[in-house]
Amino acid sequence: MNEIKETQWHMKPNKAKAIMLAKRQLAEFVYDAVNLEGIHFTLPEIQTLLEGITVGGHKVFDQQIALNQADAWRAVFGLVEKNQFEITCEQVCALHRIAAKDEALEWGKFRSGGVTIAGTDYMPPSADSLSSLFDAMVEDSSSLPDIYDRAIHFFLTMARCQFFYDVNKRMGRFMMNGLLLSYGFPAINLPAKRQLEFNQLMLDFYDTGNQKPMNMFMRSCLDEKVITIMKE
């Protein structure tokens, strides 16, 4: 990989440490992701579920969504550890096949029709333009020298293009964090407790395409404890 900078916190890249920290946060990542989608598990319930034990009072479908998120994270970890993580149509679709199984209208391939986004008049691009837009996203990212700018660019562009019928924001975060980990920098978790702020900023972003406010927000989500450990 080409050398790339991290300019805000001046962390030293350390892939082993970044992956270790992300693995320790797996239950938290899953907990926040599903709660952001309106699926209300507690953190202890997610920890129990990831240990292979079902928890009472929840739909089987909701539990499967949580397990899909964990499986997709494990797939990302495996790719990063083998130096095989890359942002390509093939790999994005392979991960979507895991993360969106039985949830999206179609999974494992780009959508074949139109979609809307609730709360905004913005219309995502037509299905026949998605492959070229994906290539343009990858090309545009190469001009961003800061790893967090580059990673967040992938998340936001994937969310705005809506490459899939569903699980777009989650897929964008998987690709964002896979890229960060592959360069040896810590993953960004989006806390469910900041959902209102996140939703408002995303609606503004859909309308304007201006990434700066969301970039600042996503950077503010990086755990200070994780930054401290990475700088040791």
Protein backbone atom coordinates (compact mmCIF):
# COMPACT_ATOMS: atom_id res chain seq x y z
CA MET A 1 0.00 0.00 0.00
CA ASN A 2 1.08 3.56 -0.66
CA GLU A 3 2.14 5.60 2.33
CA ILE A 4 -0.72 7.63 3.75
CA LYS A 5 -0.95 10.15 6.57
CA GLU A 6 -3.02 10.53 9.74
CA THR A 7 -2.87 14.23 10.51
CA GLN A 8 -5.25 14.94 13.41
CA TRP A 9 -4.09 12.74 16.29
CA HIS A 10 -0.61 11.75 15.02
CA MET A 11 -1.09 8.09 15.79
CA LYS A 12 1.50 5.63 14.59
CA PRO A 13 0.04 2.93 12.35
CA ASN A 14 -0.06 -0.46 14.04
CA LYS A 15 -2.26 -3.02 12.35
CA ALA A 16 -2.01 -5.68 15.06
CA LYS A 17 -2.97 -3.21 17.77
CA ALA A 18 -5.78 -1.65 15.72
CA ILE A 19 -7.31 -5.07 14.98
CA MET A 20 -6.94 -6.15 18.61
CA LEU A 21 -8.82 -3.06 19.77
CA ALA A 22 -11.55 -3.53 17.15
CA LYS A 23 -12.05 -7.18 18.10
CA ARG A 24 -12.46 -6.17 21.73
CA GLN A 25 -15.14 -3.69 20.62
CA LEU A 26 -17.06 -6.18 18.47
CA ALA A 27 -20.10 -6.43 20.76
CA GLU A 28 -20.19 -2.65 21.05
CA PHE A 29 -19.99 -2.24 17.26
CA VAL A 30 -22.89 -4.64 16.77
CA TYR A 31 -24.93 -3.13 19.63
CA ASP A 32 -24.65 0.39 18.22
CA ALA A 33 -25.26 -0.69 14.61
CA VAL A 34 -28.51 -2.53 15.33
CA ASN A 35 -29.79 0.12 17.73
CA LEU A 36 -29.21 2.76 15.07
CA GLU A 37 -31.52 0.67 12.87
CA GLY A 38 -34.24 0.69 15.53
CA ILE A 39 -33.52 -2.82 16.82
CA HIS A 40 -33.28 -2.40 20.56
CA PHE A 41 -30.88 -4.83 22.20
CA THR A 42 -28.91 -4.08 25.34
CA LEU A 43 -25.15 -4.49 25.25
CA PRO A 44 -25.27 -7.54 27.59
CA GLU A 45 -27.86 -9.12 25.29
CA ILE A 46 -25.58 -8.61 22.29
CA GLN A 47 -22.64 -10.06 24.22
CA THR A 48 -24.76 -13.11 25.08
CA LEU A 49 -25.94 -13.48 21.48
CA LEU A 50 -22.37 -13.36 20.17
CA GLU A 51 -21.49 -16.15 22.59
CA GLY A 52 -24.00 -18.34 20.75
CA ILE A 53 -26.85 -18.11 23.24
CA THR A 54 -30.25 -16.77 22.19
CA VAL A 55 -31.87 -14.08 24.31
CA GLY A 56 -35.55 -13.88 25.18
CA GLY A 57 -37.98 -11.18 24.17
CA HIS A 58 -36.57 -10.54 20.70
CA LYS A 59 -37.68 -11.57 17.22
CA VAL A 60 -35.58 -14.25 15.57
CA PHE A 61 -35.26 -11.91 12.57
CA ASP A 62 -33.77 -9.14 14.74
CA GLN A 63 -31.33 -11.56 16.32
CA GLN A 64 -30.25 -12.69 12.84
CA ILE A 65 -29.57 -9.09 11.79
CA ALA A 66 -27.29 -8.71 14.81
CA LEU A 67 -25.50 -11.96 14.03
CA ASN A 68 -25.10 -10.89 10.39
CA GLN A 69 -23.35 -7.73 11.56
CA ALA A 70 -20.96 -9.75 13.72
CA ASP A 71 -20.27 -12.17 10.86
CA ALA A 72 -19.51 -9.28 8.51
CA TRP A 73 -17.12 -7.77 11.05
CA ARG A 74 -15.35 -11.10 11.41
CA ALA A 75 -15.06 -11.31 7.62
CA VAL A 76 -13.49 -7.83 7.57
CA PHE A 77 -11.04 -8.83 10.33
CA GLY A 78 -10.06 -11.93 8.36
CA LEU A 79 -9.45 -10.00 5.15
CA VAL A 80 -7.38 -7.35 6.93
CA GLU A 81 -5.28 -9.93 8.77
CA LYS A 82 -4.52 -11.71 5.48
CA ASN A 83 -3.72 -8.39 3.72
CA GLN A 84 -6.62 -9.10 1.37
CA PHE A 85 -8.91 -6.21 2.21
CA GLU A 86 -9.63 -3.99 -0.79
CA ILE A 87 -12.47 -1.77 -1.88
CA THR A 88 -13.71 -3.39 -5.07
CA CYS A 89 -17.20 -4.15 -6.37
CA GLU A 90 -16.54 -7.84 -5.83
CA GLN A 91 -15.45 -7.52 -2.21
CA VAL A 92 -18.16 -5.00 -1.30
CA CYS A 93 -20.81 -7.32 -2.72
CA ALA A 94 -19.31 -10.34 -0.96
CA LEU A 95 -19.49 -8.52 2.38
CA HIS A 96 -23.01 -7.28 1.63
CA ARG A 97 -24.00 -10.91 1.06
CA ILE A 98 -23.09 -11.52 4.71
CA ALA A 99 -24.28 -8.27 6.28
CA ALA A 100 -27.63 -8.00 4.46
CA LYS A 101 -28.64 -11.67 4.21
CA ASP A 102 -32.44 -12.04 4.45
CA GLU A 103 -32.77 -8.32 5.25
CA ALA A 104 -32.37 -6.44 1.95
CA LEU A 105 -34.58 -7.00 -1.11
CA GLU A 106 -31.48 -8.37 -2.85
CA TRP A 107 -28.14 -9.04 -1.21
CA GLY A 108 -24.68 -9.60 -2.59
CA LYS A 109 -25.20 -7.38 -5.66
CA PHE A 110 -25.88 -3.77 -6.52
CA ARG A 111 -29.55 -2.81 -6.61
CA SER A 112 -31.35 -3.26 -9.91
CA GLY A 113 -33.93 -0.50 -9.39
CA GLY A 114 -34.57 2.87 -7.81
CA VAL A 115 -34.71 3.76 -4.12
CA THR A 116 -35.64 6.76 -2.00
CA ILE A 117 -34.25 8.05 1.30
CA ALA A 118 -36.76 8.96 4.01
CA GLY A 119 -36.71 12.58 5.17
CA THR A 120 -35.06 14.12 2.10
CA ASP A 121 -36.02 15.10 -1.45
CA TYR A 122 -32.63 13.89 -2.66
CA MET A 123 -32.93 11.02 -5.13
CA PRO A 124 -30.06 8.49 -5.26
CA PRO A 125 -28.61 7.80 -8.71
CA SER A 126 -30.17 5.33 -11.12
CA ALA A 127 -29.19 1.67 -10.90
CA ASP A 128 -27.49 1.66 -14.30
CA SER A 129 -24.97 4.30 -13.14
CA LEU A 130 -23.82 2.49 -9.99
CA SER A 131 -20.81 0.64 -11.40
CA SER A 132 -19.32 3.81 -12.88
CA LEU A 133 -20.06 5.74 -9.68
CA PHE A 134 -18.27 3.07 -7.65
CA ASP A 135 -15.20 3.37 -9.88
CA ALA A 136 -15.33 7.17 -9.55
CA MET A 137 -15.55 6.88 -5.75
CA VAL A 138 -12.40 4.75 -5.66
CA GLU A 139 -10.60 7.11 -8.04
CA ASP A 140 -11.61 10.23 -6.10
CA SER A 141 -10.41 8.71 -2.83
CA SER A 142 -6.89 8.33 -4.16
CA SER A 143 -6.44 12.11 -4.06
CA LEU A 144 -7.08 12.24 -0.30
CA PRO A 145 -3.77 11.87 1.60
CA ASP A 146 -5.29 11.64 5.10
CA ILE A 147 -6.47 8.12 5.93
CA TYR A 148 -9.52 9.29 7.89
CA ASP A 149 -10.59 11.66 5.09
CA ARG A 150 -10.26 8.79 2.65
CA ALA A 151 -12.11 6.28 4.82
CA ILE A 152 -14.96 8.66 5.68
CA HIS A 153 -15.24 9.56 1.99
CA PHE A 154 -16.02 5.91 1.24
CA PHE A 155 -18.66 5.75 3.98
CA LEU A 156 -20.41 8.92 2.90
CA THR A 157 -20.28 8.24 -0.82
CA MET A 158 -21.65 4.73 -0.37
CA ALA A 159 -24.46 6.09 1.79
CA ARG A 160 -25.39 8.80 -0.73
CA CYS A 161 -25.16 6.56 -3.81
CA GLN A 162 -27.19 3.79 -2.14
CA PHE A 163 -25.46 0.99 -4.06
CA PHE A 164 -27.80 -1.55 -2.47
CA TYR A 165 -31.50 -1.76 -1.70
CA ASP A 166 -30.71 -1.74 2.02
CA VAL A 167 -27.81 -1.85 4.53
CA ASN A 168 -26.01 0.99 2.75
CA LYS A 169 -24.82 3.02 5.73
CA ARG A 170 -23.70 -0.12 7.54
CA MET A 171 -21.82 -1.29 4.44
CA GLY A 172 -20.21 2.12 4.12
CA ARG A 173 -18.99 1.85 7.70
CA PHE A 174 -17.64 -1.66 7.10
CA MET A 175 -15.61 -0.39 4.14
CA MET A 176 -14.51 2.72 6.05
CA ASN A 177 -13.30 0.66 8.97
CA GLY A 178 -11.78 -2.10 6.88
CA LEU A 179 -9.68 0.54 5.15
CA LEU A 180 -8.63 2.11 8.45
CA LEU A 181 -7.65 -1.25 9.95
CA SER A 182 -5.78 -2.30 6.82
CA TYR A 183 -3.58 0.79 7.17
CA GLY A 184 -3.09 0.15 10.88
CA PHE A 185 -5.43 2.80 12.27
CA PRO A 186 -8.36 2.29 14.67
CA ALA A 187 -11.93 1.81 13.55
CA ILE A 188 -14.63 4.43 14.14
CA ASN A 189 -17.69 3.29 16.04
CA LEU A 190 -20.89 5.32 15.68
CA PRO A 191 -22.59 5.41 19.10
CA ALA A 192 -26.35 4.87 19.11
CA LYS A 193 -26.66 7.59 21.75
CA ARG A 194 -25.64 10.11 19.06
CA GLN A 195 -28.35 8.95 16.65
CA LEU A 196 -30.28 12.24 16.54
CA GLU A 197 -27.16 14.24 15.69
CA PHE A 198 -26.11 11.64 13.13
CA ASN A 199 -29.52 11.56 11.43
CA GLN A 200 -29.76 15.34 11.11
CA LEU A 201 -26.25 15.67 9.71
CA MET A 202 -26.87 12.82 7.25
CA LEU A 203 -30.08 14.43 5.97
CA ASP A 204 -28.17 17.67 5.39
CA PHE A 205 -25.43 15.71 3.65
CA TYR A 206 -27.89 13.91 1.34
CA ASP A 207 -29.28 17.29 0.26
CA THR A 208 -25.99 19.11 -0.23
CA GLY A 209 -23.31 16.48 -0.85
CA ASN A 210 -21.02 18.53 1.43
CA GLN A 211 -18.94 15.99 3.38
CA LYS A 212 -17.19 18.37 5.80
CA PRO A 213 -19.78 18.45 8.65
CA MET A 214 -20.17 14.65 8.57
CA ASN A 215 -16.41 14.19 8.37
CA MET A 216 -16.02 16.24 11.56
CA PHE A 217 -18.82 14.31 13.24
CA MET A 218 -17.37 10.91 12.35
CA ARG A 219 -13.94 11.93 13.60
CA SER A 220 -15.53 13.01 16.89
CA CYS A 221 -16.85 9.45 17.30
CA LEU A 222 -13.37 7.94 17.50
CA ASP A 223 -12.93 6.76 21.09
CA GLU A 224 -10.39 8.86 23.00
CA LYS A 225 -9.29 5.78 24.95
CA VAL A 226 -8.48 4.03 21.71
CA ILE A 227 -6.47 7.02 20.49
CA THR A 228 -4.48 7.02 23.73
CA ILE A 229 -3.69 3.30 23.42
CA MET A 230 -2.64 3.69 19.79
CA LYS A 231 -0.23 6.48 20.76
CA GLU A 232 1.49 4.46 23.51
